[in-house]
Amino acid sequence: PESVVSPGGVGFDINCGVRLLRTNLLFSDVEPVKERLAQALFDHIPVGVGSQGIIPTKQSDLEEVLQLGVDWSLREGYAWPEDKEHCEEFGRMLNADSSKVSARAKKRGLP
């Protein structure tokens, strides 16, 4: 093939929540502002181990996220209904058991 996307290169192997963004923008739309766009993405998307986002969360929020998945984001206004169509399992694994998530893992998910 002429080009390949490696899912491992975008977080597939560790399920870090990286998503693909599709827009109707053309290269000619983005090219003149690509540096500013890249900086804006870097400024607003947490990166690295233990990085913190701008959404304040508590232990009770995390428990709800583990139970509700993307429905929590919808309820809190962080997602649109159509976002579910573009997530694995529509944003919620119905048979998942959040009690199996260790306290250590949960602690890492909090600020």
N, C-alpha and C. Protein backbone atom coordinates (compact mmCIF):
# COMPACT_ATOMS: atom_id res chain seq x y z
N PRO A 1 0.83 -1.21 0.00
CA PRO A 1 0.00 0.00 0.00
C PRO A 1 0.86 1.26 0.00
N GLU A 2 0.29 2.33 -0.50
CA GLU A 2 1.01 3.59 -0.55
C GLU A 2 1.09 4.27 0.81
N SER A 3 0.11 4.04 1.65
CA SER A 3 0.13 4.63 2.99
C SER A 3 -0.52 3.66 3.96
N VAL A 4 -0.07 3.74 5.20
CA VAL A 4 -0.56 2.83 6.22
C VAL A 4 -0.79 3.62 7.50
N VAL A 5 -1.88 3.32 8.20
CA VAL A 5 -2.11 3.87 9.53
C VAL A 5 -1.89 2.74 10.51
N SER A 6 -0.99 2.94 11.43
CA SER A 6 -0.71 1.94 12.45
C SER A 6 -1.54 2.25 13.68
N PRO A 7 -2.54 1.41 14.02
CA PRO A 7 -3.35 1.71 15.20
C PRO A 7 -2.51 1.76 16.47
N GLY A 8 -1.43 0.98 16.53
CA GLY A 8 -0.56 1.03 17.70
C GLY A 8 0.07 2.39 17.89
N GLY A 9 0.27 3.10 16.80
CA GLY A 9 0.87 4.42 16.87
C GLY A 9 -0.08 5.48 17.38
N VAL A 10 -1.36 5.18 17.49
CA VAL A 10 -2.33 6.16 17.96
C VAL A 10 -3.10 5.67 19.19
N GLY A 11 -2.47 4.79 19.97
CA GLY A 11 -3.05 4.41 21.24
C GLY A 11 -3.92 3.17 21.25
N PHE A 12 -4.03 2.47 20.14
CA PHE A 12 -4.89 1.30 20.07
C PHE A 12 -4.47 0.24 21.09
N ASP A 13 -3.17 0.03 21.22
CA ASP A 13 -2.69 -1.05 22.08
C ASP A 13 -2.93 -0.79 23.55
N ILE A 14 -2.99 0.44 23.97
CA ILE A 14 -3.19 0.73 25.39
C ILE A 14 -4.53 1.41 25.65
N ASN A 15 -5.35 1.56 24.63
CA ASN A 15 -6.68 2.16 24.75
C ASN A 15 -6.64 3.47 25.53
N CYS A 16 -5.78 4.37 25.09
CA CYS A 16 -5.62 5.63 25.83
C CYS A 16 -6.68 6.66 25.44
N GLY A 17 -7.65 6.28 24.67
CA GLY A 17 -8.74 7.20 24.37
C GLY A 17 -8.49 8.09 23.17
N VAL A 18 -7.45 7.82 22.41
CA VAL A 18 -7.18 8.62 21.22
C VAL A 18 -8.26 8.34 20.19
N ARG A 19 -8.78 9.37 19.61
CA ARG A 19 -9.83 9.23 18.60
C ARG A 19 -9.40 9.89 17.30
N LEU A 20 -10.01 9.47 16.24
CA LEU A 20 -9.77 10.03 14.93
C LEU A 20 -10.77 11.14 14.70
N LEU A 21 -10.32 12.24 14.17
CA LEU A 21 -11.19 13.37 13.87
C LEU A 21 -11.29 13.52 12.37
N ARG A 22 -12.51 13.56 11.86
CA ARG A 22 -12.73 13.78 10.44
C ARG A 22 -13.45 15.10 10.27
N THR A 23 -12.96 15.91 9.35
CA THR A 23 -13.60 17.19 9.06
C THR A 23 -13.81 17.30 7.56
N ASN A 24 -14.52 18.34 7.16
CA ASN A 24 -14.68 18.62 5.74
C ASN A 24 -13.66 19.65 5.25
N LEU A 25 -12.68 19.94 6.09
CA LEU A 25 -11.64 20.88 5.71
C LEU A 25 -10.73 20.28 4.65
N LEU A 26 -10.26 21.12 3.78
CA LEU A 26 -9.31 20.72 2.75
C LEU A 26 -7.90 21.08 3.22
N PHE A 27 -6.90 20.46 2.61
CA PHE A 27 -5.52 20.79 2.93
C PHE A 27 -5.29 22.29 2.77
N SER A 28 -5.87 22.86 1.72
CA SER A 28 -5.67 24.30 1.47
C SER A 28 -6.29 25.16 2.58
N ASP A 29 -7.28 24.64 3.29
CA ASP A 29 -7.87 25.36 4.42
C ASP A 29 -6.94 25.34 5.64
N VAL A 30 -6.29 24.22 5.84
CA VAL A 30 -5.51 24.00 7.05
C VAL A 30 -4.06 24.44 6.91
N GLU A 31 -3.49 24.29 5.74
CA GLU A 31 -2.06 24.55 5.54
C GLU A 31 -1.60 25.91 6.06
N PRO A 32 -2.33 27.00 5.80
CA PRO A 32 -1.84 28.30 6.28
C PRO A 32 -1.86 28.46 7.81
N VAL A 33 -2.64 27.65 8.50
CA VAL A 33 -2.76 27.80 9.96
C VAL A 33 -2.32 26.54 10.71
N LYS A 34 -1.60 25.66 10.05
CA LYS A 34 -1.29 24.37 10.66
C LYS A 34 -0.48 24.48 11.95
N GLU A 35 0.45 25.45 12.03
CA GLU A 35 1.22 25.60 13.26
C GLU A 35 0.33 26.05 14.41
N ARG A 36 -0.55 27.01 14.16
CA ARG A 36 -1.47 27.47 15.22
C ARG A 36 -2.44 26.37 15.61
N LEU A 37 -2.91 25.61 14.63
CA LEU A 37 -3.81 24.50 14.90
C LEU A 37 -3.12 23.44 15.77
N ALA A 38 -1.91 23.08 15.40
CA ALA A 38 -1.17 22.09 16.19
C ALA A 38 -0.95 22.58 17.61
N GLN A 39 -0.61 23.85 17.77
CA GLN A 39 -0.39 24.40 19.11
C GLN A 39 -1.68 24.41 19.92
N ALA A 40 -2.80 24.75 19.27
CA ALA A 40 -4.09 24.76 19.97
C ALA A 40 -4.45 23.35 20.44
N LEU A 41 -4.21 22.35 19.60
CA LEU A 41 -4.48 20.96 20.00
C LEU A 41 -3.59 20.58 21.18
N PHE A 42 -2.32 20.92 21.09
CA PHE A 42 -1.39 20.60 22.17
C PHE A 42 -1.80 21.29 23.47
N ASP A 43 -2.28 22.52 23.37
CA ASP A 43 -2.68 23.28 24.56
C ASP A 43 -3.93 22.73 25.23
N HIS A 44 -4.79 22.06 24.47
CA HIS A 44 -6.09 21.65 25.01
C HIS A 44 -6.26 20.14 25.20
N ILE A 45 -5.31 19.35 24.76
CA ILE A 45 -5.42 17.90 24.90
C ILE A 45 -4.35 17.41 25.85
N PRO A 46 -4.74 16.84 26.99
CA PRO A 46 -3.74 16.35 27.95
C PRO A 46 -2.87 15.27 27.32
N VAL A 47 -1.59 15.28 27.64
CA VAL A 47 -0.66 14.28 27.12
C VAL A 47 0.25 13.79 28.23
N GLY A 48 0.73 12.58 28.07
CA GLY A 48 1.72 12.05 28.99
C GLY A 48 1.12 11.29 30.15
N VAL A 49 1.98 10.60 30.86
CA VAL A 49 1.55 9.80 32.01
C VAL A 49 1.05 10.73 33.11
N GLY A 50 -0.14 10.44 33.62
CA GLY A 50 -0.68 11.21 34.72
C GLY A 50 -1.14 12.60 34.35
N SER A 51 -1.32 12.86 33.07
CA SER A 51 -1.73 14.21 32.66
C SER A 51 -3.14 14.48 33.14
N GLN A 52 -3.42 15.76 33.35
CA GLN A 52 -4.72 16.15 33.87
C GLN A 52 -5.47 16.96 32.83
N GLY A 53 -6.76 16.71 32.72
CA GLY A 53 -7.59 17.45 31.79
C GLY A 53 -8.22 18.65 32.46
N ILE A 54 -9.08 19.32 31.72
CA ILE A 54 -9.73 20.52 32.23
C ILE A 54 -11.08 20.22 32.87
N ILE A 55 -11.52 18.97 32.83
CA ILE A 55 -12.80 18.58 33.42
C ILE A 55 -12.55 18.14 34.86
N PRO A 56 -13.05 18.90 35.83
CA PRO A 56 -12.84 18.49 37.22
C PRO A 56 -13.63 17.22 37.52
N THR A 57 -12.96 16.22 38.07
CA THR A 57 -13.64 14.95 38.36
C THR A 57 -13.36 14.52 39.79
N LYS A 58 -14.36 13.86 40.36
CA LYS A 58 -14.25 13.31 41.70
C LYS A 58 -14.37 11.79 41.59
N GLN A 59 -14.14 11.09 42.68
CA GLN A 59 -14.26 9.64 42.69
C GLN A 59 -15.66 9.21 42.22
N SER A 60 -16.70 9.91 42.68
CA SER A 60 -18.06 9.54 42.28
C SER A 60 -18.27 9.74 40.78
N ASP A 61 -17.64 10.77 40.20
CA ASP A 61 -17.72 10.97 38.75
C ASP A 61 -17.08 9.79 38.02
N LEU A 62 -15.91 9.39 38.49
CA LEU A 62 -15.21 8.28 37.85
C LEU A 62 -16.04 7.01 37.89
N GLU A 63 -16.67 6.74 39.02
CA GLU A 63 -17.52 5.55 39.13
C GLU A 63 -18.66 5.61 38.10
N GLU A 64 -19.25 6.79 37.93
CA GLU A 64 -20.33 6.94 36.94
C GLU A 64 -19.81 6.79 35.52
N VAL A 65 -18.63 7.32 35.25
CA VAL A 65 -18.03 7.16 33.92
C VAL A 65 -17.83 5.68 33.62
N LEU A 66 -17.33 4.94 34.61
CA LEU A 66 -17.10 3.51 34.42
C LEU A 66 -18.40 2.76 34.16
N GLN A 67 -19.49 3.20 34.76
CA GLN A 67 -20.78 2.55 34.57
C GLN A 67 -21.48 3.01 33.29
N LEU A 68 -21.45 4.31 33.02
CA LEU A 68 -22.25 4.89 31.94
C LEU A 68 -21.50 5.08 30.63
N GLY A 69 -20.19 5.13 30.68
CA GLY A 69 -19.43 5.37 29.46
C GLY A 69 -19.73 6.74 28.87
N VAL A 70 -19.89 6.78 27.56
CA VAL A 70 -20.11 8.06 26.88
C VAL A 70 -21.43 8.71 27.29
N ASP A 71 -22.36 7.94 27.83
CA ASP A 71 -23.61 8.54 28.30
C ASP A 71 -23.36 9.54 29.43
N TRP A 72 -22.31 9.32 30.22
CA TRP A 72 -21.94 10.30 31.24
C TRP A 72 -21.52 11.60 30.56
N SER A 73 -20.72 11.50 29.52
CA SER A 73 -20.28 12.70 28.79
C SER A 73 -21.46 13.42 28.16
N LEU A 74 -22.42 12.68 27.66
CA LEU A 74 -23.62 13.29 27.08
C LEU A 74 -24.39 14.05 28.15
N ARG A 75 -24.60 13.40 29.28
CA ARG A 75 -25.36 14.02 30.37
C ARG A 75 -24.68 15.29 30.87
N GLU A 76 -23.36 15.28 30.92
CA GLU A 76 -22.61 16.42 31.45
C GLU A 76 -22.34 17.49 30.39
N GLY A 77 -22.75 17.25 29.15
CA GLY A 77 -22.57 18.25 28.10
C GLY A 77 -21.21 18.22 27.42
N TYR A 78 -20.47 17.12 27.55
CA TYR A 78 -19.15 17.02 26.93
C TYR A 78 -19.18 16.25 25.61
N ALA A 79 -20.34 15.80 25.19
CA ALA A 79 -20.46 15.03 23.95
C ALA A 79 -21.79 15.33 23.29
N TRP A 80 -21.89 14.99 22.03
CA TRP A 80 -23.14 15.10 21.28
C TRP A 80 -23.70 13.70 21.07
N PRO A 81 -25.02 13.57 20.95
CA PRO A 81 -25.62 12.24 20.76
C PRO A 81 -24.99 11.44 19.62
N GLU A 82 -24.66 12.11 18.53
CA GLU A 82 -24.09 11.39 17.39
C GLU A 82 -22.68 10.87 17.67
N ASP A 83 -22.04 11.34 18.72
CA ASP A 83 -20.71 10.83 19.07
C ASP A 83 -20.76 9.34 19.38
N LYS A 84 -21.86 8.87 19.94
CA LYS A 84 -21.98 7.45 20.28
C LYS A 84 -21.81 6.56 19.05
N GLU A 85 -22.30 7.04 17.91
CA GLU A 85 -22.22 6.25 16.68
C GLU A 85 -20.78 6.02 16.23
N HIS A 86 -19.87 6.84 16.72
CA HIS A 86 -18.48 6.77 16.28
C HIS A 86 -17.55 6.21 17.35
N CYS A 87 -18.13 5.62 18.38
CA CYS A 87 -17.34 4.99 19.45
C CYS A 87 -17.53 3.48 19.42
N GLU A 88 -16.50 2.76 19.82
CA GLU A 88 -16.63 1.32 19.95
C GLU A 88 -17.76 1.02 20.93
N GLU A 89 -18.55 -0.01 20.61
CA GLU A 89 -19.65 -0.43 21.48
C GLU A 89 -20.60 0.72 21.81
N PHE A 90 -20.66 1.71 20.94
CA PHE A 90 -21.48 2.91 21.15
C PHE A 90 -21.15 3.60 22.48
N GLY A 91 -19.89 3.49 22.88
CA GLY A 91 -19.41 4.23 24.04
C GLY A 91 -19.67 3.59 25.39
N ARG A 92 -20.12 2.34 25.38
CA ARG A 92 -20.40 1.68 26.66
C ARG A 92 -20.38 0.17 26.49
N MET A 93 -19.56 -0.49 27.27
CA MET A 93 -19.50 -1.94 27.21
C MET A 93 -20.49 -2.48 28.24
N LEU A 94 -21.63 -2.94 27.76
CA LEU A 94 -22.74 -3.31 28.64
C LEU A 94 -22.40 -4.40 29.65
N ASN A 95 -21.53 -5.33 29.29
CA ASN A 95 -21.20 -6.42 30.21
C ASN A 95 -19.95 -6.14 31.03
N ALA A 96 -19.42 -4.95 30.94
CA ALA A 96 -18.22 -4.61 31.72
C ALA A 96 -18.58 -4.53 33.19
N ASP A 97 -17.64 -4.92 34.02
CA ASP A 97 -17.84 -4.91 35.47
C ASP A 97 -16.82 -3.95 36.08
N SER A 98 -17.28 -2.75 36.41
CA SER A 98 -16.35 -1.73 36.91
C SER A 98 -15.76 -2.08 38.26
N SER A 99 -16.36 -3.04 38.96
CA SER A 99 -15.78 -3.46 40.25
C SER A 99 -14.45 -4.19 40.04
N LYS A 100 -14.19 -4.60 38.83
CA LYS A 100 -12.93 -5.30 38.52
C LYS A 100 -11.79 -4.33 38.26
N VAL A 101 -12.08 -3.03 38.19
CA VAL A 101 -11.04 -2.02 38.00
C VAL A 101 -10.38 -1.78 39.35
N SER A 102 -9.08 -1.94 39.40
CA SER A 102 -8.37 -1.81 40.68
C SER A 102 -8.40 -0.39 41.21
N ALA A 103 -8.24 -0.27 42.51
CA ALA A 103 -8.18 1.05 43.15
C ALA A 103 -7.02 1.85 42.59
N ARG A 104 -5.90 1.18 42.30
CA ARG A 104 -4.74 1.86 41.73
C ARG A 104 -5.07 2.46 40.36
N ALA A 105 -5.75 1.68 39.53
CA ALA A 105 -6.13 2.19 38.20
C ALA A 105 -7.10 3.35 38.33
N LYS A 106 -8.05 3.25 39.25
CA LYS A 106 -9.01 4.34 39.45
C LYS A 106 -8.30 5.60 39.93
N LYS A 107 -7.34 5.43 40.81
CA LYS A 107 -6.59 6.59 41.32
C LYS A 107 -5.86 7.29 40.18
N ARG A 108 -5.33 6.52 39.24
CA ARG A 108 -4.63 7.10 38.10
C ARG A 108 -5.58 7.87 37.19
N GLY A 109 -6.86 7.56 37.26
CA GLY A 109 -7.85 8.25 36.43
C GLY A 109 -8.38 9.54 37.02
N LEU A 110 -7.90 9.88 38.21
CA LEU A 110 -8.35 11.10 38.88
C LEU A 110 -7.23 12.13 38.93
N PRO A 111 -7.62 13.42 38.99
CA PRO A 111 -6.58 14.46 39.07
C PRO A 111 -5.83 14.39 40.39
